[in-house]
């Protein structure tokens, strides 16, 4: 397979960039994620208060106003500051979980599809066992065994998030390894490792990136669900899921305790879903006109 020359790469990049700017879902989703990442990184500088230490019971369930733009919780802590710092927890868990899923899923998918035989059987049977249980239920079971903590959330979600990617990569490898350029590389004596790295891996990357981007939103939602159930980040760590759990007892008295963390989860998950859809439209040749 002939590699594109440098003279052809630049026009291809410009064409892809022009097409990316025309994709509304990619633009909107990317903008939301950029803002959220910036908020998470700059949290110490933009949050009005410390989300844990600045508690004042005199401001118990203070409604939104000048001092607390989004109100205060039952300990008198600023809800806005806790939402800002909660972005660090949610984005950190979502990205870390999908990074581990990308590493593990692509590695096992490549091995399974390329070598086949007993390696394929072992990997796919393991994936099917995990697939037999709903992902969140499986994560809850793991958390019940190893105990609730933010690190254990990452571990539990990482153990259940690689299967979809491994199956996707395996299916692509089964097709790609039959192509002429792979057979030609094998005929000239290229090692299996070189064939996988140079000829197969690059052709599976686009689909993996799309699936991982969509998966980040799912991981953030799963982390919020576990925290809502008391199995995730433990108090006083600011987590959107735990904030929702606290606010459910005060829906009539202080609805802002639930509304604003819920909106944060909604916008974040929507942003990653739009970004994933946009990347699919951009990178998938079948979506190009």
Protein backbone atom coordinates (compact mmCIF):
# COMPACT_ATOMS: atom_id res chain seq x y z
CA UNK A 1 0.00 0.00 0.00
CA UNK A 2 1.63 3.21 -1.22
CA UNK A 3 1.95 5.92 1.40
CA UNK A 4 0.77 9.40 0.45
CA UNK A 5 3.53 11.85 -0.46
CA UNK A 6 4.09 15.04 1.60
CA UNK A 7 2.70 17.05 -1.33
CA UNK A 8 -0.61 15.20 -0.99
CA UNK A 9 -0.80 15.18 2.82
CA UNK A 10 -1.19 18.96 3.21
CA UNK A 11 -4.24 19.25 0.88
CA UNK A 12 -5.83 16.24 2.59
CA UNK A 13 -5.38 17.88 5.99
CA UNK A 14 -6.82 21.17 4.75
CA UNK A 15 -9.80 19.38 3.23
CA UNK A 16 -10.45 17.51 6.48
CA UNK A 17 -10.14 20.72 8.49
CA UNK A 18 -12.67 22.50 6.23
CA UNK A 19 -15.03 19.55 6.56
CA UNK A 20 -14.63 19.50 10.36
CA UNK A 21 -15.71 23.13 10.58
CA UNK A 22 -18.91 22.29 8.68
CA UNK A 23 -19.90 19.53 11.11
CA UNK A 24 -22.14 21.16 13.71
CA UNK A 25 -22.13 18.22 16.10
CA UNK A 26 -18.33 18.17 16.11
CA UNK A 27 -18.11 21.93 16.64
CA UNK A 28 -20.72 22.08 19.40
CA UNK A 29 -19.51 18.96 21.19
CA UNK A 30 -15.87 20.01 20.94
CA UNK A 31 -16.67 23.48 22.26
CA UNK A 32 -18.53 22.06 25.28
CA UNK A 33 -15.66 19.69 26.10
CA UNK A 34 -13.01 22.39 25.69
CA UNK A 35 -14.89 24.64 28.12
CA UNK A 36 -15.36 21.81 30.64
CA UNK A 37 -11.69 20.80 30.46
CA UNK A 38 -10.65 24.44 30.93
CA UNK A 39 -12.98 24.74 33.94
CA UNK A 40 -11.53 21.57 35.47
CA UNK A 41 -7.93 22.69 34.96
CA UNK A 42 -8.53 26.24 36.20
CA UNK A 43 -10.76 25.21 39.12
CA UNK A 44 -8.45 26.61 41.86
CA UNK A 45 -8.48 30.02 40.18
CA UNK A 46 -12.12 30.34 39.08
CA UNK A 47 -13.99 28.65 41.94
CA UNK A 48 -15.27 31.32 44.38
CA UNK A 49 -14.75 29.12 47.45
CA UNK A 50 -12.94 26.00 48.57
CA UNK A 51 -15.41 23.15 47.92
CA UNK A 52 -14.61 21.37 51.19
CA UNK A 53 -13.12 23.75 53.74
CA UNK A 54 -15.33 26.81 53.21
CA UNK A 55 -18.35 25.44 55.06
CA UNK A 56 -20.56 27.76 57.08
CA UNK A 57 -23.65 26.38 58.78
CA UNK A 58 -25.01 29.92 59.03
CA UNK A 59 -25.60 29.66 55.26
CA UNK A 60 -27.50 26.37 55.51
CA UNK A 61 -29.39 25.83 52.21
CA UNK A 62 -28.84 29.43 51.19
CA UNK A 63 -30.74 30.03 47.91
CA UNK A 64 -28.92 31.34 44.82
CA UNK A 65 -27.89 34.95 45.23
CA UNK A 66 -24.97 37.35 45.08
CA UNK A 67 -22.71 35.42 47.49
CA UNK A 68 -23.62 31.95 46.22
CA UNK A 69 -24.64 32.18 42.52
CA UNK A 70 -25.96 28.58 42.54
CA UNK A 71 -26.89 28.45 46.21
CA UNK A 72 -25.34 26.65 49.17
CA UNK A 73 -25.77 23.07 50.37
CA UNK A 74 -26.79 21.78 53.78
CA UNK A 75 -23.29 22.46 55.17
CA UNK A 76 -23.23 25.99 53.79
CA UNK A 77 -20.75 25.13 51.01
CA UNK A 78 -20.90 26.90 47.66
CA UNK A 79 -22.65 24.68 45.09
CA UNK A 80 -20.92 26.41 42.15
CA UNK A 81 -17.47 25.71 43.58
CA UNK A 82 -18.36 22.07 44.20
CA UNK A 83 -19.66 21.68 40.64
CA UNK A 84 -16.47 23.23 39.26
CA UNK A 85 -14.27 20.88 41.28
CA UNK A 86 -16.63 18.00 40.50
CA UNK A 87 -15.70 18.43 36.84
CA UNK A 88 -12.21 17.27 37.78
CA UNK A 89 -13.58 14.08 39.30
CA UNK A 90 -15.95 13.25 36.45
CA UNK A 91 -13.59 14.10 33.59
CA UNK A 92 -10.68 12.43 35.35
CA UNK A 93 -12.56 9.18 35.86
CA UNK A 94 -14.08 9.22 32.36
CA UNK A 95 -10.78 9.85 30.58
CA UNK A 96 -8.79 7.45 32.78
CA UNK A 97 -11.34 4.64 32.33
CA UNK A 98 -11.42 5.00 28.56
CA UNK A 99 -7.64 5.32 28.36
CA UNK A 100 -7.32 1.96 30.09
CA UNK A 101 -10.09 0.54 27.89
CA UNK A 102 -8.26 1.80 24.80
CA UNK A 103 -4.99 0.19 25.87
CA UNK A 104 -6.48 -3.11 26.99
CA UNK A 105 -9.22 -3.36 24.37
CA UNK A 106 -6.99 -2.59 21.40
CA UNK A 107 -4.23 -4.92 22.59
CA UNK A 108 -6.58 -7.85 23.16
CA UNK A 109 -8.57 -7.13 20.01
CA UNK A 110 -5.42 -7.05 17.87
CA UNK A 111 -4.11 -10.28 19.38
CA UNK A 112 -7.47 -12.01 19.09
CA UNK A 113 -8.09 -11.04 15.47
CA UNK A 114 -4.56 -11.53 14.19
CA UNK A 115 -3.59 -14.81 15.83
CA UNK A 116 -7.00 -16.49 16.17
CA UNK A 117 -7.04 -20.02 17.57
CA UNK A 118 -6.96 -20.53 21.32
CA UNK A 119 -5.92 -16.90 21.92
CA UNK A 120 -9.06 -15.71 20.18
CA UNK A 121 -11.22 -18.21 22.07
CA UNK A 122 -9.87 -17.21 25.49
CA UNK A 123 -10.19 -13.47 24.91
CA UNK A 124 -13.63 -13.59 23.32
CA UNK A 125 -15.04 -16.00 25.91
CA UNK A 126 -13.84 -13.64 28.66
CA UNK A 127 -15.47 -10.72 26.86
CA UNK A 128 -18.72 -12.67 26.51
CA UNK A 129 -18.75 -13.45 30.24
CA UNK A 130 -18.48 -9.73 31.03
CA UNK A 131 -21.04 -8.90 28.34
CA UNK A 132 -23.51 -11.31 29.97
CA UNK A 133 -24.01 -8.81 32.81
CA UNK A 134 -25.19 -5.20 32.51
CA UNK A 135 -22.09 -3.01 32.77
CA UNK A 136 -23.29 -0.92 35.70
CA UNK A 137 -24.52 -3.97 37.62
CA UNK A 138 -21.17 -5.66 37.09
CA UNK A 139 -19.38 -2.52 38.34
CA UNK A 140 -21.66 -2.37 41.40
CA UNK A 141 -20.81 -6.00 42.18
CA UNK A 142 -17.09 -5.25 41.95
CA UNK A 143 -17.48 -2.17 44.15
CA UNK A 144 -19.41 -4.17 46.73
CA UNK A 145 -16.49 -6.59 46.95
CA UNK A 146 -13.52 -4.19 46.94
CA UNK A 147 -15.22 -1.28 48.73
CA UNK A 148 -16.29 2.24 47.75
CA UNK A 149 -13.64 4.78 46.72
CA UNK A 150 -12.77 6.89 43.72
CA UNK A 151 -9.83 4.67 42.78
CA UNK A 152 -12.03 1.58 42.98
CA UNK A 153 -14.55 3.28 40.67
CA UNK A 154 -11.80 3.62 38.08
CA UNK A 155 -10.77 -0.01 38.60
CA UNK A 156 -14.33 -1.37 38.39
CA UNK A 157 -15.30 0.63 35.30
CA UNK A 158 -11.98 -0.16 33.62
CA UNK A 159 -12.62 -3.88 34.04
CA UNK A 160 -15.95 -3.69 32.21
CA UNK A 161 -15.19 -1.04 29.56
CA UNK A 162 -12.69 -2.80 27.29
CA UNK A 163 -14.96 -5.49 25.85
CA UNK A 164 -16.77 -3.42 23.21
CA UNK A 165 -13.53 -2.02 21.88
CA UNK A 166 -11.87 -5.45 21.80
CA UNK A 167 -14.75 -6.91 19.79
CA UNK A 168 -14.74 -3.96 17.38
CA UNK A 169 -10.98 -4.13 16.80
CA UNK A 170 -11.07 -7.92 16.41
CA UNK A 171 -13.72 -7.68 13.69
CA UNK A 172 -11.68 -5.09 11.79
CA UNK A 173 -8.47 -7.09 12.09
CA UNK A 174 -10.17 -10.20 10.69
CA UNK A 175 -10.93 -8.18 7.55
CA UNK A 176 -7.70 -6.19 7.31
CA UNK A 177 -5.37 -9.17 7.64
CA UNK A 178 -6.78 -10.57 4.36
CA UNK A 179 -5.83 -7.46 2.37
CA UNK A 180 -3.12 -7.62 -0.28
CA UNK A 181 -0.72 -5.22 1.43
CA UNK A 182 -0.71 -7.40 4.57
CA UNK A 183 -0.02 -10.50 2.48
CA UNK A 184 2.73 -8.61 0.64
CA UNK A 185 4.36 -7.58 3.92
CA UNK A 186 4.24 -11.17 5.12
CA UNK A 187 5.73 -12.38 1.81
CA UNK A 188 8.78 -10.12 2.12
CA UNK A 189 9.48 -11.47 5.61
CA UNK A 190 7.96 -8.83 7.87
CA UNK A 191 7.49 -10.06 11.43
CA UNK A 192 4.04 -10.36 12.99
CA UNK A 193 4.79 -7.47 15.31
CA UNK A 194 5.78 -5.23 12.39
CA UNK A 195 2.66 -6.18 10.42
CA UNK A 196 0.43 -5.40 13.40
CA UNK A 197 2.09 -2.08 14.22
CA UNK A 198 2.71 -0.76 10.71
CA UNK A 199 -0.21 -2.13 8.68
CA UNK A 200 -3.09 -3.19 10.94
CA UNK A 201 -3.04 -0.84 13.94
CA UNK A 202 -3.26 2.42 11.90
CA UNK A 203 -6.36 1.11 10.11
CA UNK A 204 -8.19 0.43 13.36
CA UNK A 205 -7.32 3.67 15.14
CA UNK A 206 -10.13 5.87 13.75
CA UNK A 207 -12.95 3.56 14.86
CA UNK A 208 -11.28 3.07 18.26
CA UNK A 209 -11.03 6.82 18.83
CA UNK A 210 -14.71 7.28 17.99
CA UNK A 211 -15.81 4.49 20.34
CA UNK A 212 -13.57 5.74 23.16
CA UNK A 213 -14.88 9.31 22.80
CA UNK A 214 -18.46 8.07 23.06
CA UNK A 215 -17.41 5.84 25.95
CA UNK A 216 -16.12 8.74 28.04
CA UNK A 217 -19.67 10.06 28.37
CA UNK A 218 -20.87 6.62 29.43
CA UNK A 219 -18.05 6.32 31.99
CA UNK A 220 -18.91 9.73 33.46
CA UNK A 221 -22.56 8.70 33.74
CA UNK A 222 -21.55 5.40 35.36
CA UNK A 223 -19.31 7.20 37.87
CA UNK A 224 -22.16 9.57 38.73
CA UNK A 225 -24.48 6.58 39.20
CA UNK A 226 -22.03 4.81 41.51
CA UNK A 227 -21.46 7.99 43.51
CA UNK A 228 -25.23 8.52 43.70
CA UNK A 229 -25.51 5.06 45.26
CA UNK A 230 -22.72 5.83 47.71
CA UNK A 231 -20.22 3.50 46.00
CA UNK A 232 -18.10 6.13 44.29
CA UNK A 233 -16.34 9.24 45.52
CA UNK A 234 -16.82 9.53 49.26
CA UNK A 235 -17.72 12.74 51.14
CA UNK A 236 -16.50 15.41 51.29
CA UNK A 237 -15.02 14.91 47.79
CA UNK A 238 -17.12 17.00 45.37
CA UNK A 239 -18.77 14.62 42.92
CA UNK A 240 -21.78 15.37 40.77
CA UNK A 241 -23.34 11.99 41.56
CA UNK A 242 -22.97 12.39 45.33
CA UNK A 243 -24.33 15.95 45.07
CA UNK A 244 -27.42 14.56 43.34
CA UNK A 245 -27.76 11.92 46.05
CA UNK A 246 -27.67 14.58 48.76
CA UNK A 247 -30.09 16.85 46.93
CA UNK A 248 -32.79 14.22 46.44
CA UNK A 249 -33.91 14.69 50.06
CA UNK A 250 -34.33 18.43 49.51
CA UNK A 251 -36.02 18.57 46.11
CA UNK A 252 -38.87 20.76 47.33
CA UNK A 253 -36.93 22.76 49.91
CA UNK A 254 -33.72 23.35 47.90
CA UNK A 255 -34.11 22.17 44.28
CA UNK A 256 -30.82 23.81 43.24
CA UNK A 257 -28.93 21.03 45.03
CA UNK A 258 -30.10 18.60 42.33
CA UNK A 259 -30.80 20.79 39.30
CA UNK A 260 -27.31 22.18 38.76
CA UNK A 261 -25.29 18.95 39.23
CA UNK A 262 -27.83 17.22 36.96
CA UNK A 263 -27.32 19.90 34.31
CA UNK A 264 -23.55 19.49 34.59
CA UNK A 265 -23.84 15.73 33.98
CA UNK A 266 -26.27 16.31 31.10
CA UNK A 267 -24.05 18.85 29.34
CA UNK A 268 -20.91 16.77 29.78
CA UNK A 269 -22.41 13.54 28.47
CA UNK A 270 -24.12 15.40 25.60
CA UNK A 271 -20.83 17.09 24.72
CA UNK A 272 -18.94 13.81 24.45
CA UNK A 273 -21.78 12.19 22.49
CA UNK A 274 -21.84 15.07 20.00
CA UNK A 275 -18.05 14.98 19.76
CA UNK A 276 -18.08 11.23 19.12
CA UNK A 277 -20.76 11.56 16.45
CA UNK A 278 -18.80 14.38 14.83
CA UNK A 279 -15.59 12.36 14.80
CA UNK A 280 -17.48 9.46 13.21
CA UNK A 281 -18.77 11.76 10.47
CA UNK A 282 -15.27 13.16 9.96
CA UNK A 283 -13.18 9.99 10.07
CA UNK A 284 -15.50 7.34 8.63
CA UNK A 285 -15.05 7.25 4.83
CA UNK A 286 -18.60 5.93 4.42
CA UNK A 287 -19.97 9.18 5.93
CA UNK A 288 -18.06 11.36 3.48
CA UNK A 289 -19.71 12.71 0.37
